[in-house]
Amino acid sequence: LGNMPQTISPTDSPAKPKLLEQVRHVIRRKHFSLRTEQA
């Protein structure tokens, strides 16, 4: 409507996590230490 941006409905899928967040997830799933995750 005019210059109003289109909104996303709550039923739309959420955005894919960023790369480093995905990497953190893999590391945590493997039960690596926090220091390893940081490195």
All heavy atoms as atom14 arrays in JSON, in Angstrom:
{
  "sequence": "LGNMPQTISPTDSPAKPKLLEQVRHVIRRKHFSLRTEQA",
  "atom14_mask": [
    [1, 1, 1, 1, 1, 1, 1, 1, 0, 0, 0, 0, 0, 0],
    [1, 1, 1, 1, 0, 0, 0, 0, 0, 0, 0, 0, 0, 0],
    [1, 1, 1, 1, 1, 1, 1, 1, 0, 0, 0, 0, 0, 0],
    [1, 1, 1, 1, 1, 1, 1, 1, 0, 0, 0, 0, 0, 0],
    [1, 1, 1, 1, 1, 1, 1, 0, 0, 0, 0, 0, 0, 0],
    [1, 1, 1, 1, 1, 1, 1, 1, 1, 0, 0, 0, 0, 0],
    [1, 1, 1, 1, 1, 1, 1, 0, 0, 0, 0, 0, 0, 0],
    [1, 1, 1, 1, 1, 1, 1, 1, 0, 0, 0, 0, 0, 0],
    [1, 1, 1, 1, 1, 1, 0, 0, 0, 0, 0, 0, 0, 0],
    [1, 1, 1, 1, 1, 1, 1, 0, 0, 0, 0, 0, 0, 0],
    [1, 1, 1, 1, 1, 1, 1, 0, 0, 0, 0, 0, 0, 0],
    [1, 1, 1, 1, 1, 1, 1, 1, 0, 0, 0, 0, 0, 0],
    [1, 1, 1, 1, 1, 1, 0, 0, 0, 0, 0, 0, 0, 0],
    [1, 1, 1, 1, 1, 1, 1, 0, 0, 0, 0, 0, 0, 0],
    [1, 1, 1, 1, 1, 0, 0, 0, 0, 0, 0, 0, 0, 0],
    [1, 1, 1, 1, 1, 1, 1, 1, 1, 0, 0, 0, 0, 0],
    [1, 1, 1, 1, 1, 1, 1, 0, 0, 0, 0, 0, 0, 0],
    [1, 1, 1, 1, 1, 1, 1, 1, 1, 0, 0, 0, 0, 0],
    [1, 1, 1, 1, 1, 1, 1, 1, 0, 0, 0, 0, 0, 0],
    [1, 1, 1, 1, 1, 1, 1, 1, 0, 0, 0, 0, 0, 0],
    [1, 1, 1, 1, 1, 1, 1, 1, 1, 0, 0, 0, 0, 0],
    [1, 1, 1, 1, 1, 1, 1, 1, 1, 0, 0, 0, 0, 0],
    [1, 1, 1, 1, 1, 1, 1, 0, 0, 0, 0, 0, 0, 0],
    [1, 1, 1, 1, 1, 1, 1, 1, 1, 1, 1, 0, 0, 0],
    [1, 1, 1, 1, 1, 1, 1, 1, 1, 1, 0, 0, 0, 0],
    [1, 1, 1, 1, 1, 1, 1, 0, 0, 0, 0, 0, 0, 0],
    [1, 1, 1, 1, 1, 1, 1, 1, 0, 0, 0, 0, 0, 0],
    [1, 1, 1, 1, 1, 1, 1, 1, 1, 1, 1, 0, 0, 0],
    [1, 1, 1, 1, 1, 1, 1, 1, 1, 1, 1, 0, 0, 0],
    [1, 1, 1, 1, 1, 1, 1, 1, 1, 0, 0, 0, 0, 0],
    [1, 1, 1, 1, 1, 1, 1, 1, 1, 1, 0, 0, 0, 0],
    [1, 1, 1, 1, 1, 1, 1, 1, 1, 1, 1, 0, 0, 0],
    [1, 1, 1, 1, 1, 1, 0, 0, 0, 0, 0, 0, 0, 0],
    [1, 1, 1, 1, 1, 1, 1, 1, 0, 0, 0, 0, 0, 0],
    [1, 1, 1, 1, 1, 1, 1, 1, 1, 1, 1, 0, 0, 0],
    [1, 1, 1, 1, 1, 1, 1, 0, 0, 0, 0, 0, 0, 0],
    [1, 1, 1, 1, 1, 1, 1, 1, 1, 0, 0, 0, 0, 0],
    [1, 1, 1, 1, 1, 1, 1, 1, 1, 0, 0, 0, 0, 0],
    [1, 1, 1, 1, 1, 0, 0, 0, 0, 0, 0, 0, 0, 0]
  ],
  "atom14_positions": [
    [[0.87, -1.17, 0.0], [0.0, 0.0, 0.0], [0.91, 1.22, 0.0], [1.59, 1.49, 0.98], [-0.91, 0.02, 1.23], [-1.9, -1.12, 1.35], [-2.61, -1.05, 2.68], [-2.9, -1.07, 0.22], [0.0, 0.0, 0.0], [0.0, 0.0, 0.0], [0.0, 0.0, 0.0], [0.0, 0.0, 0.0], [0.0, 0.0, 0.0], [0.0, 0.0, 0.0]],
    [[0.97, 1.91, -1.08], [1.85, 3.07, -1.15], [3.3, 2.66, -1.0], [3.78, 1.77, -1.67], [0.0, 0.0, 0.0], [0.0, 0.0, 0.0], [0.0, 0.0, 0.0], [0.0, 0.0, 0.0], [0.0, 0.0, 0.0], [0.0, 0.0, 0.0], [0.0, 0.0, 0.0], [0.0, 0.0, 0.0], [0.0, 0.0, 0.0], [0.0, 0.0, 0.0]],
    [[4.01, 3.26, -0.05], [5.41, 2.97, 0.19], [5.62, 2.04, 1.38], [6.74, 1.85, 1.84], [6.19, 4.26, 0.43], [6.32, 5.08, -0.85], [6.29, 4.51, -1.94], [6.45, 6.38, -0.7], [0.0, 0.0, 0.0], [0.0, 0.0, 0.0], [0.0, 0.0, 0.0], [0.0, 0.0, 0.0], [0.0, 0.0, 0.0], [0.0, 0.0, 0.0]],
    [[4.55, 1.45, 1.91], [4.68, 0.57, 3.06], [5.26, -0.77, 2.62], [4.81, -1.36, 1.64], [3.32, 0.33, 3.72], [2.76, 1.54, 4.42], [1.18, 1.22, 5.2], [1.56, -0.11, 6.27], [0.0, 0.0, 0.0], [0.0, 0.0, 0.0], [0.0, 0.0, 0.0], [0.0, 0.0, 0.0], [0.0, 0.0, 0.0], [0.0, 0.0, 0.0]],
    [[6.29, -1.27, 3.33], [6.86, -2.57, 2.96], [5.9, -3.7, 3.28], [5.09, -3.6, 4.2], [8.12, -2.65, 3.81], [7.86, -1.74, 4.96], [6.95, -0.66, 4.46], [0.0, 0.0, 0.0], [0.0, 0.0, 0.0], [0.0, 0.0, 0.0], [0.0, 0.0, 0.0], [0.0, 0.0, 0.0], [0.0, 0.0, 0.0], [0.0, 0.0, 0.0]],
    [[5.99, -4.75, 2.51], [5.16, -5.92, 2.74], [5.66, -6.62, 4.0], [6.86, -6.76, 4.21], [5.26, -6.87, 1.55], [4.31, -8.02, 1.61], [4.37, -8.83, 0.32], [5.16, -8.53, -0.57], [3.54, -9.82, 0.23], [0.0, 0.0, 0.0], [0.0, 0.0, 0.0], [0.0, 0.0, 0.0], [0.0, 0.0, 0.0], [0.0, 0.0, 0.0]],
    [[4.76, -7.06, 4.86], [5.16, -7.73, 6.09], [5.14, -9.24, 5.9], [4.47, -9.76, 5.03], [4.22, -7.36, 7.26], [2.9, -7.75, 6.89], [4.27, -5.88, 7.56], [0.0, 0.0, 0.0], [0.0, 0.0, 0.0], [0.0, 0.0, 0.0], [0.0, 0.0, 0.0], [0.0, 0.0, 0.0], [0.0, 0.0, 0.0], [0.0, 0.0, 0.0]],
    [[5.9, -9.91, 6.74], [5.96, -11.37, 6.7], [5.0, -11.92, 7.74], [4.99, -11.48, 8.88], [7.39, -11.85, 7.0], [8.35, -11.31, 5.94], [7.45, -13.36, 7.08], [9.81, -11.57, 6.24], [0.0, 0.0, 0.0], [0.0, 0.0, 0.0], [0.0, 0.0, 0.0], [0.0, 0.0, 0.0], [0.0, 0.0, 0.0], [0.0, 0.0, 0.0]],
    [[4.2, -12.86, 7.34], [3.24, -13.42, 8.28], [3.94, -14.39, 9.23], [4.99, -14.94, 8.91], [2.13, -14.15, 7.53], [2.64, -15.33, 6.96], [0.0, 0.0, 0.0], [0.0, 0.0, 0.0], [0.0, 0.0, 0.0], [0.0, 0.0, 0.0], [0.0, 0.0, 0.0], [0.0, 0.0, 0.0], [0.0, 0.0, 0.0], [0.0, 0.0, 0.0]],
    [[3.39, -14.62, 10.42], [4.01, -15.52, 11.39], [4.11, -16.96, 10.89], [4.9, -17.73, 11.41], [3.08, -15.45, 12.61], [2.18, -14.3, 12.37], [2.21, -13.98, 10.92], [0.0, 0.0, 0.0], [0.0, 0.0, 0.0], [0.0, 0.0, 0.0], [0.0, 0.0, 0.0], [0.0, 0.0, 0.0], [0.0, 0.0, 0.0], [0.0, 0.0, 0.0]],
    [[3.36, -17.31, 9.88], [3.41, -18.68, 9.36], [4.57, -18.91, 8.41], [4.9, -20.04, 8.11], [2.09, -19.04, 8.64], [1.87, -18.1, 7.6], [0.93, -19.04, 9.61], [0.0, 0.0, 0.0], [0.0, 0.0, 0.0], [0.0, 0.0, 0.0], [0.0, 0.0, 0.0], [0.0, 0.0, 0.0], [0.0, 0.0, 0.0], [0.0, 0.0, 0.0]],
    [[5.19, -17.82, 7.92], [6.35, -17.96, 7.03], [7.5, -18.55, 7.83], [7.65, -18.31, 9.02], [6.76, -16.62, 6.44], [5.77, -16.1, 5.42], [4.89, -16.88, 4.98], [5.85, -14.92, 5.07], [0.0, 0.0, 0.0], [0.0, 0.0, 0.0], [0.0, 0.0, 0.0], [0.0, 0.0, 0.0], [0.0, 0.0, 0.0], [0.0, 0.0, 0.0]],
    [[8.38, -19.3, 7.14], [9.5, -19.92, 7.84], [10.51, -18.86, 8.26], [10.72, -17.88, 7.56], [10.17, -20.95, 6.93], [10.68, -20.32, 5.78], [0.0, 0.0, 0.0], [0.0, 0.0, 0.0], [0.0, 0.0, 0.0], [0.0, 0.0, 0.0], [0.0, 0.0, 0.0], [0.0, 0.0, 0.0], [0.0, 0.0, 0.0], [0.0, 0.0, 0.0]],
    [[11.14, -19.06, 9.42], [12.13, -18.09, 9.89], [13.38, -18.14, 9.02], [13.64, -19.13, 8.33], [12.44, -18.56, 11.31], [12.06, -20.0, 11.34], [10.96, -20.16, 10.33], [0.0, 0.0, 0.0], [0.0, 0.0, 0.0], [0.0, 0.0, 0.0], [0.0, 0.0, 0.0], [0.0, 0.0, 0.0], [0.0, 0.0, 0.0], [0.0, 0.0, 0.0]],
    [[14.15, -17.07, 9.07], [15.38, -16.99, 8.28], [16.37, -18.04, 8.76], [16.42, -18.38, 9.94], [15.98, -15.6, 8.4], [0.0, 0.0, 0.0], [0.0, 0.0, 0.0], [0.0, 0.0, 0.0], [0.0, 0.0, 0.0], [0.0, 0.0, 0.0], [0.0, 0.0, 0.0], [0.0, 0.0, 0.0], [0.0, 0.0, 0.0], [0.0, 0.0, 0.0]],
    [[17.16, -18.55, 7.83], [18.19, -19.53, 8.15], [19.26, -18.85, 9.0], [19.66, -17.73, 8.71], [18.79, -20.06, 6.85], [19.73, -21.22, 7.03], [20.16, -21.74, 5.68], [21.09, -22.91, 5.84], [21.54, -23.42, 4.55], [0.0, 0.0, 0.0], [0.0, 0.0, 0.0], [0.0, 0.0, 0.0], [0.0, 0.0, 0.0], [0.0, 0.0, 0.0]],
    [[19.74, -19.52, 10.07], [20.78, -18.9, 10.9], [22.03, -18.61, 10.08], [22.33, -19.28, 9.09], [21.08, -19.97, 11.96], [19.95, -20.92, 11.9], [19.36, -20.83, 10.53], [0.0, 0.0, 0.0], [0.0, 0.0, 0.0], [0.0, 0.0, 0.0], [0.0, 0.0, 0.0], [0.0, 0.0, 0.0], [0.0, 0.0, 0.0], [0.0, 0.0, 0.0]],
    [[22.77, -17.61, 10.51], [24.0, -17.24, 9.83], [25.03, -18.36, 9.97], [24.92, -19.21, 10.85], [24.54, -15.93, 10.38], [23.63, -14.77, 10.06], [24.27, -13.47, 10.37], [23.33, -12.36, 9.93], [24.01, -11.11, 9.75], [0.0, 0.0, 0.0], [0.0, 0.0, 0.0], [0.0, 0.0, 0.0], [0.0, 0.0, 0.0], [0.0, 0.0, 0.0]],
    [[26.03, -18.32, 9.11], [27.03, -19.38, 9.03], [27.66, -19.7, 10.38], [27.68, -20.86, 10.79], [28.12, -19.0, 8.03], [29.28, -19.99, 7.97], [28.84, -21.3, 7.34], [30.46, -19.4, 7.23], [0.0, 0.0, 0.0], [0.0, 0.0, 0.0], [0.0, 0.0, 0.0], [0.0, 0.0, 0.0], [0.0, 0.0, 0.0], [0.0, 0.0, 0.0]],
    [[28.18, -18.71, 11.09], [28.88, -19.0, 12.35], [27.93, -19.58, 13.4], [28.33, -20.4, 14.22], [29.6, -17.76, 12.86], [30.8, -17.33, 12.01], [31.45, -16.09, 12.6], [31.81, -18.44, 11.86], [0.0, 0.0, 0.0], [0.0, 0.0, 0.0], [0.0, 0.0, 0.0], [0.0, 0.0, 0.0], [0.0, 0.0, 0.0], [0.0, 0.0, 0.0]],
    [[26.67, -19.18, 13.36], [25.7, -19.76, 14.29], [25.45, -21.22, 13.94], [25.3, -22.07, 14.82], [24.39, -18.96, 14.26], [23.46, -19.3, 15.4], [24.1, -19.14, 16.78], [24.8, -18.16, 17.03], [23.88, -20.05, 17.62], [0.0, 0.0, 0.0], [0.0, 0.0, 0.0], [0.0, 0.0, 0.0], [0.0, 0.0, 0.0], [0.0, 0.0, 0.0]],
    [[25.41, -21.54, 12.66], [25.25, -22.93, 12.23], [26.46, -23.76, 12.66], [26.31, -24.9, 13.11], [25.09, -23.0, 10.72], [23.8, -22.39, 10.21], [23.74, -22.4, 8.7], [24.25, -23.31, 8.06], [23.13, -21.38, 8.12], [0.0, 0.0, 0.0], [0.0, 0.0, 0.0], [0.0, 0.0, 0.0], [0.0, 0.0, 0.0], [0.0, 0.0, 0.0]],
    [[27.65, -23.19, 12.54], [28.87, -23.87, 12.96], [28.83, -24.12, 14.47], [29.15, -25.22, 14.93], [30.13, -23.07, 12.57], [31.38, -23.63, 13.22], [30.28, -23.04, 11.06], [0.0, 0.0, 0.0], [0.0, 0.0, 0.0], [0.0, 0.0, 0.0], [0.0, 0.0, 0.0], [0.0, 0.0, 0.0], [0.0, 0.0, 0.0], [0.0, 0.0, 0.0]],
    [[28.43, -23.12, 15.23], [28.32, -23.29, 16.69], [27.37, -24.44, 17.03], [27.62, -25.22, 17.94], [27.85, -22.0, 17.34], [28.89, -20.94, 17.42], [28.38, -19.7, 18.18], [29.33, -18.63, 18.07], [29.25, -17.63, 17.18], [28.23, -17.57, 16.33], [30.17, -16.7, 17.13], [0.0, 0.0, 0.0], [0.0, 0.0, 0.0], [0.0, 0.0, 0.0]],
    [[26.28, -24.54, 16.28], [25.31, -25.61, 16.52], [25.96, -26.98, 16.31], [25.77, -27.9, 17.11], [24.09, -25.42, 15.62], [23.07, -26.48, 15.77], [22.26, -26.59, 16.88], [22.73, -27.52, 14.96], [21.47, -27.64, 16.74], [21.73, -28.22, 15.59], [0.0, 0.0, 0.0], [0.0, 0.0, 0.0], [0.0, 0.0, 0.0], [0.0, 0.0, 0.0]],
    [[26.7, -27.13, 15.22], [27.39, -28.39, 14.93], [28.38, -28.71, 16.04], [28.45, -29.85, 16.53], [28.11, -28.34, 13.56], [29.02, -29.55, 13.37], [27.1, -28.25, 12.43], [0.0, 0.0, 0.0], [0.0, 0.0, 0.0], [0.0, 0.0, 0.0], [0.0, 0.0, 0.0], [0.0, 0.0, 0.0], [0.0, 0.0, 0.0], [0.0, 0.0, 0.0]],
    [[29.15, -27.73, 16.46], [30.16, -27.93, 17.5], [29.51, -28.35, 18.81], [29.99, -29.26, 19.5], [31.01, -26.66, 17.67], [31.9, -26.46, 16.43], [31.86, -26.72, 18.93], [32.6, -25.13, 16.37], [0.0, 0.0, 0.0], [0.0, 0.0, 0.0], [0.0, 0.0, 0.0], [0.0, 0.0, 0.0], [0.0, 0.0, 0.0], [0.0, 0.0, 0.0]],
    [[28.42, -27.7, 19.16], [27.72, -28.05, 20.42], [27.1, -29.44, 20.33], [27.08, -30.17, 21.31], [26.68, -26.99, 20.73], [27.31, -25.69, 21.14], [26.33, -24.57, 21.31], [27.05, -23.32, 21.53], [26.5, -22.14, 21.49], [25.2, -22.02, 21.25], [27.23, -21.06, 21.7], [0.0, 0.0, 0.0], [0.0, 0.0, 0.0], [0.0, 0.0, 0.0]],
    [[26.59, -29.79, 19.15], [26.02, -31.13, 18.97], [27.09, -32.2, 19.17], [26.81, -33.29, 19.63], [25.39, -31.23, 17.58], [24.56, -32.49, 17.39], [23.88, -32.55, 16.04], [24.86, -32.67, 14.97], [24.91, -31.89, 13.89], [24.02, -30.94, 13.72], [25.84, -32.07, 12.98], [0.0, 0.0, 0.0], [0.0, 0.0, 0.0], [0.0, 0.0, 0.0]],
    [[28.33, -31.87, 18.81], [29.44, -32.81, 18.97], [30.06, -32.74, 20.38], [31.02, -33.46, 20.65], [30.52, -32.52, 17.93], [30.09, -32.84, 16.53], [31.23, -32.58, 15.58], [30.88, -33.13, 14.22], [32.05, -33.38, 13.42], [0.0, 0.0, 0.0], [0.0, 0.0, 0.0], [0.0, 0.0, 0.0], [0.0, 0.0, 0.0], [0.0, 0.0, 0.0]],
    [[29.53, -31.86, 21.22], [29.98, -31.72, 22.61], [31.44, -31.27, 22.72], [32.17, -31.71, 23.6], [29.76, -33.02, 23.4], [28.35, -33.48, 23.37], [27.33, -32.84, 24.05], [27.76, -34.5, 22.69], [26.19, -33.45, 23.82], [26.42, -34.47, 22.99], [0.0, 0.0, 0.0], [0.0, 0.0, 0.0], [0.0, 0.0, 0.0], [0.0, 0.0, 0.0]],
    [[31.87, -30.39, 21.79], [33.2, -29.82, 21.89], [33.2, -28.77, 23.0], [32.15, -28.25, 23.38], [33.61, -29.16, 20.57], [33.91, -30.12, 19.44], [34.26, -29.64, 18.21], [33.85, -31.5, 19.61], [34.55, -30.49, 17.15], [34.13, -32.36, 18.56], [34.48, -31.86, 17.33], [0.0, 0.0, 0.0], [0.0, 0.0, 0.0], [0.0, 0.0, 0.0]],
    [[34.37, -28.43, 23.48], [34.47, -27.44, 24.55], [34.19, -26.03, 24.02], [34.28, -25.77, 22.81], [35.87, -27.46, 25.18], [36.82, -26.89, 24.3], [0.0, 0.0, 0.0], [0.0, 0.0, 0.0], [0.0, 0.0, 0.0], [0.0, 0.0, 0.0], [0.0, 0.0, 0.0], [0.0, 0.0, 0.0], [0.0, 0.0, 0.0], [0.0, 0.0, 0.0]],
    [[33.89, -25.13, 24.94], [33.64, -23.74, 24.58], [34.88, -23.12, 23.94], [34.79, -22.36, 22.98], [33.2, -22.94, 25.8], [32.91, -21.47, 25.57], [31.8, -21.28, 24.55], [32.54, -20.79, 26.87], [0.0, 0.0, 0.0], [0.0, 0.0, 0.0], [0.0, 0.0, 0.0], [0.0, 0.0, 0.0], [0.0, 0.0, 0.0], [0.0, 0.0, 0.0]],
    [[36.06, -23.45, 24.46], [37.32, -22.92, 23.9], [37.51, -23.41, 22.45], [37.97, -22.65, 21.61], [38.51, -23.33, 24.76], [38.5, -22.76, 26.15], [38.84, -21.31, 26.2], [40.24, -21.14, 25.84], [40.72, -20.05, 25.31], [39.96, -19.01, 25.08], [42.0, -19.95, 25.0], [0.0, 0.0, 0.0], [0.0, 0.0, 0.0], [0.0, 0.0, 0.0]],
    [[37.15, -24.64, 22.18], [37.25, -25.16, 20.81], [36.29, -24.41, 19.9], [36.64, -24.02, 18.79], [36.97, -26.67, 20.77], [37.93, -27.34, 21.6], [37.03, -27.23, 19.37], [0.0, 0.0, 0.0], [0.0, 0.0, 0.0], [0.0, 0.0, 0.0], [0.0, 0.0, 0.0], [0.0, 0.0, 0.0], [0.0, 0.0, 0.0], [0.0, 0.0, 0.0]],
    [[35.08, -24.2, 20.39], [34.08, -23.44, 19.63], [34.6, -22.05, 19.3], [34.52, -21.6, 18.15], [32.78, -23.33, 20.43], [31.71, -22.51, 19.76], [30.46, -22.39, 20.61], [30.08, -23.36, 21.29], [29.86, -21.3, 20.57], [0.0, 0.0, 0.0], [0.0, 0.0, 0.0], [0.0, 0.0, 0.0], [0.0, 0.0, 0.0], [0.0, 0.0, 0.0]],
    [[35.18, -21.38, 20.28], [35.71, -20.04, 20.06], [36.86, -20.06, 19.05], [36.94, -19.2, 18.17], [36.17, -19.43, 21.39], [35.02, -19.12, 22.32], [35.47, -18.8, 23.73], [36.58, -19.14, 24.15], [34.6, -18.15, 24.49], [0.0, 0.0, 0.0], [0.0, 0.0, 0.0], [0.0, 0.0, 0.0], [0.0, 0.0, 0.0], [0.0, 0.0, 0.0]],
    [[37.75, -21.03, 19.19], [38.89, -21.13, 18.28], [38.43, -21.41, 16.86], [38.89, -20.76, 15.9], [39.85, -22.22, 18.75], [0.0, 0.0, 0.0], [0.0, 0.0, 0.0], [0.0, 0.0, 0.0], [0.0, 0.0, 0.0], [0.0, 0.0, 0.0], [0.0, 0.0, 0.0], [0.0, 0.0, 0.0], [0.0, 0.0, 0.0], [0.0, 0.0, 0.0]]
  ]
}
